[in-house]
């Protein structure tokens, strides 16, 4: 199960998806991100709720296929917050989880082949958002 981080090159309005080394885990990935941001002219990407919604709608659009994906939001509540907030979007197909898209740009990839489908969906959602 690889971890990836989504970065953006603001000058070129271009996404970059980088796989993390195997020794990086969800508990210690922040320093890896900071190192990458210093090496290149990029910054870690944060998903807005609107962008997550557009991605979810693209995946579950049954007009595109007879066998649509399922998209499920995971809600969390921080100890210092009163409201629930979306922390991630889980994408699955035929009951098998494919991707977890986490708000701070971290992707948990259960099926690496899925990245080929995710990339154009992300770009399309980004273009519609007019970001």
C-alpha atoms as a PDB file:
ATOM      1  CA  UNK A   1       0.000   0.000   0.000  1.00  0.00           C
ATOM      2  CA  UNK A   2       2.060   2.961  -1.222  1.00  0.00           C
ATOM      3  CA  UNK A   3       1.654   6.438   0.166  1.00  0.00           C
ATOM      4  CA  UNK A   4       1.789   9.333  -2.269  1.00  0.00           C
ATOM      5  CA  UNK A   5       1.750  13.069  -1.766  1.00  0.00           C
ATOM      6  CA  UNK A   6       0.174  15.475  -4.187  1.00  0.00           C
ATOM      7  CA  UNK A   7       2.167  18.636  -4.811  1.00  0.00           C
ATOM      8  CA  UNK A   8       1.501  21.554  -7.084  1.00  0.00           C
ATOM      9  CA  UNK A   9       3.899  23.651  -9.082  1.00  0.00           C
ATOM     10  CA  UNK A  10       2.160  27.013  -8.849  1.00  0.00           C
ATOM     11  CA  UNK A  11       4.132  28.599 -11.679  1.00  0.00           C
ATOM     12  CA  UNK A  12       3.003  25.974 -14.160  1.00  0.00           C
ATOM     13  CA  UNK A  13      -0.376  25.151 -12.544  1.00  0.00           C
ATOM     14  CA  UNK A  14       0.718  21.526 -12.686  1.00  0.00           C
ATOM     15  CA  UNK A  15       0.151  18.632 -10.311  1.00  0.00           C
ATOM     16  CA  UNK A  16       2.946  16.333  -9.250  1.00  0.00           C
ATOM     17  CA  UNK A  17       2.239  13.047  -7.529  1.00  0.00           C
ATOM     18  CA  UNK A  18       5.237  11.665  -5.649  1.00  0.00           C
ATOM     19  CA  UNK A  19       5.530   8.242  -4.078  1.00  0.00           C
ATOM     20  CA  UNK A  20       6.964   8.257  -0.603  1.00  0.00           C
ATOM     21  CA  UNK A  21       9.802   5.927   0.337  1.00  0.00           C
ATOM     22  CA  UNK A  22       8.739   2.759   2.139  1.00  0.00           C
ATOM     23  CA  UNK A  23      10.165   3.979   5.450  1.00  0.00           C
ATOM     24  CA  UNK A  24       7.773   6.962   5.461  1.00  0.00           C
ATOM     25  CA  UNK A  25       4.466   6.304   7.216  1.00  0.00           C
ATOM     26  CA  UNK A  26       1.289   8.335   7.822  1.00  0.00           C
ATOM     27  CA  UNK A  27       2.752   9.182  11.231  1.00  0.00           C
ATOM     28  CA  UNK A  28       6.048  10.648  10.024  1.00  0.00           C
ATOM     29  CA  UNK A  29       5.468  12.005   6.531  1.00  0.00           C
ATOM     30  CA  UNK A  30       5.430  15.729   7.369  1.00  0.00           C
ATOM     31  CA  UNK A  31       9.221  16.083   7.449  1.00  0.00           C
ATOM     32  CA  UNK A  32       9.474  14.266   4.101  1.00  0.00           C
ATOM     33  CA  UNK A  33       7.025  16.792   2.609  1.00  0.00           C
ATOM     34  CA  UNK A  34       8.995  19.743   3.970  1.00  0.00           C
ATOM     35  CA  UNK A  35      12.205  18.321   2.482  1.00  0.00           C
ATOM     36  CA  UNK A  36      10.565  17.908  -0.939  1.00  0.00           C
ATOM     37  CA  UNK A  37       9.172  21.446  -0.856  1.00  0.00           C
ATOM     38  CA  UNK A  38      12.671  22.791  -0.188  1.00  0.00           C
ATOM     39  CA  UNK A  39      14.270  20.716  -2.983  1.00  0.00           C
ATOM     40  CA  UNK A  40      11.883  21.884  -5.702  1.00  0.00           C
ATOM     41  CA  UNK A  41       9.679  24.883  -6.413  1.00  0.00           C
ATOM     42  CA  UNK A  42       6.528  23.079  -5.280  1.00  0.00           C
ATOM     43  CA  UNK A  43       4.159  23.001  -2.362  1.00  0.00           C
ATOM     44  CA  UNK A  44       1.966  20.321  -0.850  1.00  0.00           C
ATOM     45  CA  UNK A  45      -1.595  20.465  -2.148  1.00  0.00           C
ATOM     46  CA  UNK A  46      -4.739  20.773  -0.027  1.00  0.00           C
ATOM     47  CA  UNK A  47      -8.082  19.568  -1.374  1.00  0.00           C
ATOM     48  CA  UNK A  48     -10.996  21.953  -0.978  1.00  0.00           C
ATOM     49  CA  UNK A  49     -14.391  20.453  -0.229  1.00  0.00           C
ATOM     50  CA  UNK A  50     -15.594  21.573  -3.663  1.00  0.00           C
ATOM     51  CA  UNK A  51     -12.737  19.744  -5.372  1.00  0.00           C
ATOM     52  CA  UNK A  52     -13.386  16.566  -3.363  1.00  0.00           C
ATOM     53  CA  UNK A  53     -17.063  16.786  -4.355  1.00  0.00           C
ATOM     54  CA  UNK A  54     -16.192  17.106  -8.044  1.00  0.00           C
ATOM     55  CA  UNK A  55     -13.835  14.113  -7.834  1.00  0.00           C
ATOM     56  CA  UNK A  56     -16.498  12.042  -6.052  1.00  0.00           C
ATOM     57  CA  UNK A  57     -19.128  12.951  -8.654  1.00  0.00           C
ATOM     58  CA  UNK A  58     -16.777  12.017 -11.495  1.00  0.00           C
ATOM     59  CA  UNK A  59     -16.161   8.594  -9.985  1.00  0.00           C
ATOM     60  CA  UNK A  60     -19.814   7.790  -9.306  1.00  0.00           C
ATOM     61  CA  UNK A  61     -21.139   9.100 -12.632  1.00  0.00           C
ATOM     62  CA  UNK A  62     -23.051   6.094 -13.937  1.00  0.00           C
ATOM     63  CA  UNK A  63     -23.592   7.742 -17.343  1.00  0.00           C
ATOM     64  CA  UNK A  64     -19.897   7.105 -18.052  1.00  0.00           C
ATOM     65  CA  UNK A  65     -19.969   3.375 -17.333  1.00  0.00           C
ATOM     66  CA  UNK A  66     -22.294   0.507 -16.474  1.00  0.00           C
ATOM     67  CA  UNK A  67     -20.103  -0.309 -13.498  1.00  0.00           C
ATOM     68  CA  UNK A  68     -19.584   2.910 -11.494  1.00  0.00           C
ATOM     69  CA  UNK A  69     -17.310   3.362  -8.529  1.00  0.00           C
ATOM     70  CA  UNK A  70     -18.426   4.062  -4.992  1.00  0.00           C
ATOM     71  CA  UNK A  71     -17.280   7.175  -3.136  1.00  0.00           C
ATOM     72  CA  UNK A  72     -17.569   7.558   0.615  1.00  0.00           C
ATOM     73  CA  UNK A  73     -16.632  10.528   2.767  1.00  0.00           C
ATOM     74  CA  UNK A  74     -15.018   9.931   6.127  1.00  0.00           C
ATOM     75  CA  UNK A  75     -15.976  12.516   8.718  1.00  0.00           C
ATOM     76  CA  UNK A  76     -13.833  13.314  11.715  1.00  0.00           C
ATOM     77  CA  UNK A  77     -14.025  15.663  14.633  1.00  0.00           C
ATOM     78  CA  UNK A  78     -10.904  17.152  16.118  1.00  0.00           C
ATOM     79  CA  UNK A  79     -10.883  17.361  19.931  1.00  0.00           C
ATOM     80  CA  UNK A  80     -10.878  21.172  19.773  1.00  0.00           C
ATOM     81  CA  UNK A  81     -13.672  21.447  17.195  1.00  0.00           C
ATOM     82  CA  UNK A  82     -17.434  21.405  17.633  1.00  0.00           C
ATOM     83  CA  UNK A  83     -18.251  20.488  14.040  1.00  0.00           C
ATOM     84  CA  UNK A  84     -17.551  17.388  11.991  1.00  0.00           C
ATOM     85  CA  UNK A  85     -15.371  17.878   8.955  1.00  0.00           C
ATOM     86  CA  UNK A  86     -14.486  15.736   5.966  1.00  0.00           C
ATOM     87  CA  UNK A  87     -11.047  14.258   6.387  1.00  0.00           C
ATOM     88  CA  UNK A  88     -10.931  11.939   3.401  1.00  0.00           C
ATOM     89  CA  UNK A  89     -12.704  10.525   0.401  1.00  0.00           C
ATOM     90  CA  UNK A  90     -12.587   6.754  -0.054  1.00  0.00           C
ATOM     91  CA  UNK A  91     -12.920   5.474  -3.618  1.00  0.00           C
ATOM     92  CA  UNK A  92     -13.833   1.830  -4.158  1.00  0.00           C
ATOM     93  CA  UNK A  93     -14.934  -0.397  -7.009  1.00  0.00           C
ATOM     94  CA  UNK A  94     -16.834  -3.674  -6.654  1.00  0.00           C
ATOM     95  CA  UNK A  95     -16.339  -3.508  -2.894  1.00  0.00           C
ATOM     96  CA  UNK A  96     -12.550  -3.179  -3.192  1.00  0.00           C
ATOM     97  CA  UNK A  97     -10.976   0.018  -1.907  1.00  0.00           C
ATOM     98  CA  UNK A  98      -8.811   1.740  -4.510  1.00  0.00           C
ATOM     99  CA  UNK A  99      -7.748   5.114  -3.041  1.00  0.00           C
ATOM    100  CA  UNK A 100      -8.093   7.234   0.058  1.00  0.00           C
ATOM    101  CA  UNK A 101      -7.815  10.899  -0.865  1.00  0.00           C
ATOM    102  CA  UNK A 102      -6.961  12.824   2.274  1.00  0.00           C
ATOM    103  CA  UNK A 103      -7.585  16.568   2.564  1.00  0.00           C
ATOM    104  CA  UNK A 104      -3.917  17.505   3.011  1.00  0.00           C
ATOM    105  CA  UNK A 105      -2.961  15.908  -0.305  1.00  0.00           C
ATOM    106  CA  UNK A 106      -1.865  12.546   1.049  1.00  0.00           C
ATOM    107  CA  UNK A 107      -3.091   9.589  -0.999  1.00  0.00           C
ATOM    108  CA  UNK A 108      -3.211   6.082   0.349  1.00  0.00           C
ATOM    109  CA  UNK A 109      -3.068   3.896  -2.741  1.00  0.00           C
ATOM    110  CA  UNK A 110      -4.532   0.414  -2.536  1.00  0.00           C
ATOM    111  CA  UNK A 111      -4.335  -0.200  -6.279  1.00  0.00           C
ATOM    112  CA  UNK A 112      -1.487   1.530  -8.126  1.00  0.00           C
ATOM    113  CA  UNK A 113      -3.235   1.067 -11.484  1.00  0.00           C
ATOM    114  CA  UNK A 114      -5.928   3.390 -10.181  1.00  0.00           C
ATOM    115  CA  UNK A 115      -3.566   6.368 -10.386  1.00  0.00           C
ATOM    116  CA  UNK A 116      -3.951   6.340 -14.191  1.00  0.00           C
ATOM    117  CA  UNK A 117      -7.690   6.951 -13.783  1.00  0.00           C
ATOM    118  CA  UNK A 118      -7.330   9.376 -10.876  1.00  0.00           C
ATOM    119  CA  UNK A 119      -4.935  11.799 -12.587  1.00  0.00           C
ATOM    120  CA  UNK A 120      -7.288  12.910 -15.422  1.00  0.00           C
ATOM    121  CA  UNK A 121     -10.259  13.021 -13.011  1.00  0.00           C
ATOM    122  CA  UNK A 122      -8.279  15.305 -10.701  1.00  0.00           C
ATOM    123  CA  UNK A 123      -7.201  17.541 -13.590  1.00  0.00           C
ATOM    124  CA  UNK A 124     -10.782  17.729 -14.897  1.00  0.00           C
ATOM    125  CA  UNK A 125     -12.154  18.607 -11.461  1.00  0.00           C
ATOM    126  CA  UNK A 126      -9.415  21.214 -11.017  1.00  0.00           C
ATOM    127  CA  UNK A 127     -10.204  22.776 -14.415  1.00  0.00           C
ATOM    128  CA  UNK A 128     -13.948  22.951 -13.612  1.00  0.00           C
ATOM    129  CA  UNK A 129     -13.195  24.595 -10.287  1.00  0.00           C
ATOM    130  CA  UNK A 130     -11.334  27.311 -12.160  1.00  0.00           C
ATOM    131  CA  UNK A 131      -8.567  27.284  -9.601  1.00  0.00           C
END
